[in-house]
Amino acid sequence: MHPPKRETFDVAAHTNTDPKGIVRDVDEYHEQPWGLYMARPTPGRAQFHYLESWLLPSLSLRASIFHFNPGYERDQDFYLDIGPILVDGQVWRTQDHYLDLVVRTGTAVELIDVDELFEAVRQGLMTSETASAAVQTAVSAIDGLSRHGYHLDQWLADHEMVLTWRAA
């Protein structure tokens, strides 16, 4: 079991420090009052070659699109990481609270990695209060997505958030 994963997004330096501490060059950052967009290649990854993410601090969500390599495609349109996002000037920091949502536009949302959250609490890597907050965030997102027919863009539009993505 691993401690909660942390990432740093340094807009001024145009870098993203991944959970393993590797500093990655970012192709694009785009800031909005409600979030930060990042697009970058993913060298060394067999499953996917490019990553796009929106950090949404008010919702404690990171919404991502993975550009999969042939043979590694997954039945998902968006992948949502649950966890707080802190902003300090041009440096954004995330902490992954284990729970993830797989969104299939117009069809469904699936909550995954609940077992990891329980194990993290059991091992003392996360307090029960923090885990409870992660569950509440996930439940709120699932509720919002279901009320909008599993359309992430429609749900976020109710929060005055418009996500734009690039094709890689």
Protein backbone atom coordinates (compact mmCIF):
# COMPACT_ATOMS: atom_id res chain seq x y z
CA MET A 1 0.00 0.00 0.00
CA HIS A 2 1.30 3.44 -0.91
CA PRO A 3 0.75 6.79 0.81
CA PRO A 4 -1.56 9.25 -0.99
CA LYS A 5 0.02 10.28 -4.28
CA ARG A 6 1.03 13.92 -4.61
CA GLU A 7 1.75 15.94 -7.74
CA THR A 8 2.97 19.45 -8.37
CA PHE A 9 1.99 21.57 -11.35
CA ASP A 10 4.33 24.54 -11.80
CA VAL A 11 2.76 26.85 -14.36
CA ALA A 12 5.72 29.29 -14.53
CA ALA A 13 8.27 26.49 -15.04
CA HIS A 14 5.93 24.62 -17.42
CA THR A 15 6.51 21.38 -15.48
CA ASN A 16 4.53 18.66 -13.74
CA THR A 17 6.24 16.68 -10.98
CA ASP A 18 4.61 13.26 -10.93
CA PRO A 19 4.00 11.12 -7.82
CA LYS A 20 7.41 9.46 -8.22
CA GLY A 21 9.16 12.85 -8.15
CA ILE A 22 9.97 12.88 -11.87
CA VAL A 23 9.73 16.36 -13.38
CA ARG A 24 7.91 16.28 -16.71
CA ASP A 25 7.78 19.04 -19.33
CA VAL A 26 4.27 20.32 -20.01
CA ASP A 27 3.11 21.24 -23.52
CA GLU A 28 0.32 23.49 -22.34
CA TYR A 29 -1.11 25.07 -19.23
CA HIS A 30 -4.28 27.10 -19.34
CA GLU A 31 -5.67 28.79 -16.22
CA GLN A 32 -9.26 29.70 -15.53
CA PRO A 33 -10.60 31.26 -12.32
CA TRP A 34 -12.06 27.83 -11.44
CA GLY A 35 -9.31 25.49 -12.65
CA LEU A 36 -6.08 24.62 -14.42
CA TYR A 37 -5.68 22.70 -17.68
CA MET A 38 -2.53 20.69 -18.38
CA ALA A 39 -1.49 18.73 -21.47
CA ARG A 40 1.73 16.71 -21.73
CA PRO A 41 3.27 13.61 -23.26
CA THR A 42 3.77 10.55 -21.04
CA PRO A 43 7.16 9.11 -22.00
CA GLY A 44 7.86 5.61 -20.79
CA ARG A 45 4.20 4.64 -20.43
CA ALA A 46 3.17 1.56 -22.42
CA GLN A 47 -0.57 2.13 -21.90
CA PHE A 48 -0.91 5.73 -23.08
CA HIS A 49 1.19 8.37 -24.82
CA TYR A 50 -0.50 11.63 -23.83
CA LEU A 51 -2.39 13.04 -20.84
CA GLU A 52 -4.79 15.95 -20.55
CA SER A 53 -6.11 17.04 -17.16
CA TRP A 54 -8.23 19.75 -15.59
CA LEU A 55 -7.64 20.48 -11.91
CA LEU A 56 -10.91 21.62 -10.29
CA PRO A 57 -10.16 22.76 -6.72
CA SER A 58 -13.70 23.69 -5.68
CA LEU A 59 -14.87 20.14 -6.49
CA SER A 60 -11.70 18.36 -5.26
CA LEU A 61 -11.51 16.65 -8.65
CA ARG A 62 -8.95 16.10 -11.38
CA ALA A 63 -10.62 15.26 -14.70
CA SER A 64 -8.36 13.52 -17.21
CA ILE A 65 -8.36 12.12 -20.70
CA PHE A 66 -5.76 9.45 -21.42
CA HIS A 67 -4.72 9.00 -25.04
CA PHE A 68 -4.20 5.26 -25.13
CA ASN A 69 -1.77 3.38 -27.32
CA PRO A 70 -3.19 0.69 -29.64
CA GLY A 71 -4.05 -2.43 -27.71
CA TYR A 72 -4.44 -0.59 -24.39
CA GLU A 73 -7.70 1.22 -25.04
CA ARG A 74 -10.20 1.35 -22.17
CA ASP A 75 -13.93 1.85 -22.12
CA GLN A 76 -13.83 5.34 -20.62
CA ASP A 77 -14.19 8.91 -21.74
CA PHE A 78 -13.01 10.65 -18.55
CA TYR A 79 -11.12 9.57 -15.46
CA LEU A 80 -11.77 11.56 -12.28
CA ASP A 81 -9.30 11.49 -9.38
CA ILE A 82 -10.70 12.43 -5.96
CA GLY A 83 -8.60 14.63 -3.69
CA PRO A 84 -7.85 18.16 -2.59
CA ILE A 85 -6.13 20.66 -4.85
CA LEU A 86 -4.18 23.53 -3.32
CA VAL A 87 -3.11 26.64 -5.22
CA ASP A 88 -0.19 28.83 -4.18
CA GLY A 89 0.39 31.45 -6.87
CA GLN A 90 1.42 29.58 -10.00
CA VAL A 91 2.05 26.30 -8.20
CA TRP A 92 -0.84 23.85 -7.92
CA ARG A 93 -0.62 20.73 -5.76
CA THR A 94 -2.84 17.65 -5.75
CA GLN A 95 -3.20 14.80 -3.30
CA ASP A 96 -4.93 11.68 -4.59
CA HIS A 97 -7.35 10.19 -2.05
CA TYR A 98 -7.46 6.79 -3.76
CA LEU A 99 -11.05 6.91 -5.05
CA ASP A 100 -11.51 7.34 -8.79
CA LEU A 101 -14.49 7.67 -11.11
CA VAL A 102 -14.57 6.26 -14.63
CA VAL A 103 -17.03 8.19 -16.77
CA ARG A 104 -18.63 6.72 -19.89
CA THR A 105 -20.42 9.66 -21.47
CA GLY A 106 -24.16 9.19 -21.68
CA THR A 107 -23.96 5.72 -20.13
CA ALA A 108 -22.52 5.37 -16.64
CA VAL A 109 -20.05 6.34 -13.95
CA GLU A 110 -18.11 3.71 -12.02
CA LEU A 111 -16.52 4.21 -8.61
CA ILE A 112 -13.22 2.32 -8.32
CA ASP A 113 -10.43 1.77 -5.80
CA VAL A 114 -12.69 1.75 -2.72
CA ASP A 115 -10.58 -1.14 -1.43
CA GLU A 116 -7.46 1.07 -1.62
CA LEU A 117 -9.17 3.79 0.43
CA PHE A 118 -10.19 1.29 3.14
CA GLU A 119 -6.70 -0.22 3.21
CA ALA A 120 -5.09 3.24 3.50
CA VAL A 121 -7.27 4.01 6.52
CA ARG A 122 -6.54 0.59 8.04
CA GLN A 123 -2.79 1.17 7.65
CA GLY A 124 -2.96 4.70 9.07
CA LEU A 125 -2.05 6.40 5.79
CA MET A 126 -5.27 8.42 5.91
CA THR A 127 -7.59 9.44 8.71
CA SER A 128 -11.18 8.28 8.73
CA GLU A 129 -12.24 11.96 8.52
CA THR A 130 -10.22 12.46 5.34
CA ALA A 131 -11.57 9.21 3.90
CA SER A 132 -15.10 10.34 4.73
CA ALA A 133 -14.51 13.61 2.86
CA ALA A 134 -13.24 11.62 -0.15
CA VAL A 135 -16.37 9.46 -0.11
CA GLN A 136 -18.58 12.56 0.11
CA THR A 137 -16.75 14.11 -2.86
CA ALA A 138 -17.23 10.92 -4.87
CA VAL A 139 -20.93 10.69 -3.94
CA SER A 140 -21.51 14.34 -4.92
CA ALA A 141 -19.79 13.80 -8.27
CA ILE A 142 -21.71 10.59 -8.96
CA ASP A 143 -24.97 12.34 -8.09
CA GLY A 144 -24.16 15.32 -10.32
CA LEU A 145 -23.12 13.13 -13.22
CA SER A 146 -26.20 10.90 -12.95
CA ARG A 147 -28.52 13.93 -12.85
CA HIS A 148 -26.92 15.11 -16.10
CA GLY A 149 -27.14 11.80 -17.96
CA TYR A 150 -23.47 11.01 -17.32
CA HIS A 151 -22.30 14.04 -19.31
CA LEU A 152 -19.34 15.61 -17.51
CA ASP A 153 -19.54 18.82 -19.55
CA GLN A 154 -23.22 19.36 -18.68
CA TRP A 155 -22.67 18.76 -14.97
CA LEU A 156 -19.69 21.11 -14.85
CA ALA A 157 -21.59 23.77 -16.82
CA ASP A 158 -23.91 23.98 -13.80
CA HIS A 159 -20.78 24.99 -11.86
CA GLU A 160 -19.89 27.55 -14.57
CA MET A 161 -16.94 25.44 -15.67
CA VAL A 162 -16.33 24.82 -19.38
CA LEU A 163 -13.62 22.29 -20.09
CA THR A 164 -11.78 22.39 -23.40
CA TRP A 165 -9.53 19.60 -24.62
CA ARG A 166 -6.98 19.28 -27.39
CA ALA A 167 -6.49 16.30 -29.66
CA ALA A 168 -3.05 14.73 -29.23
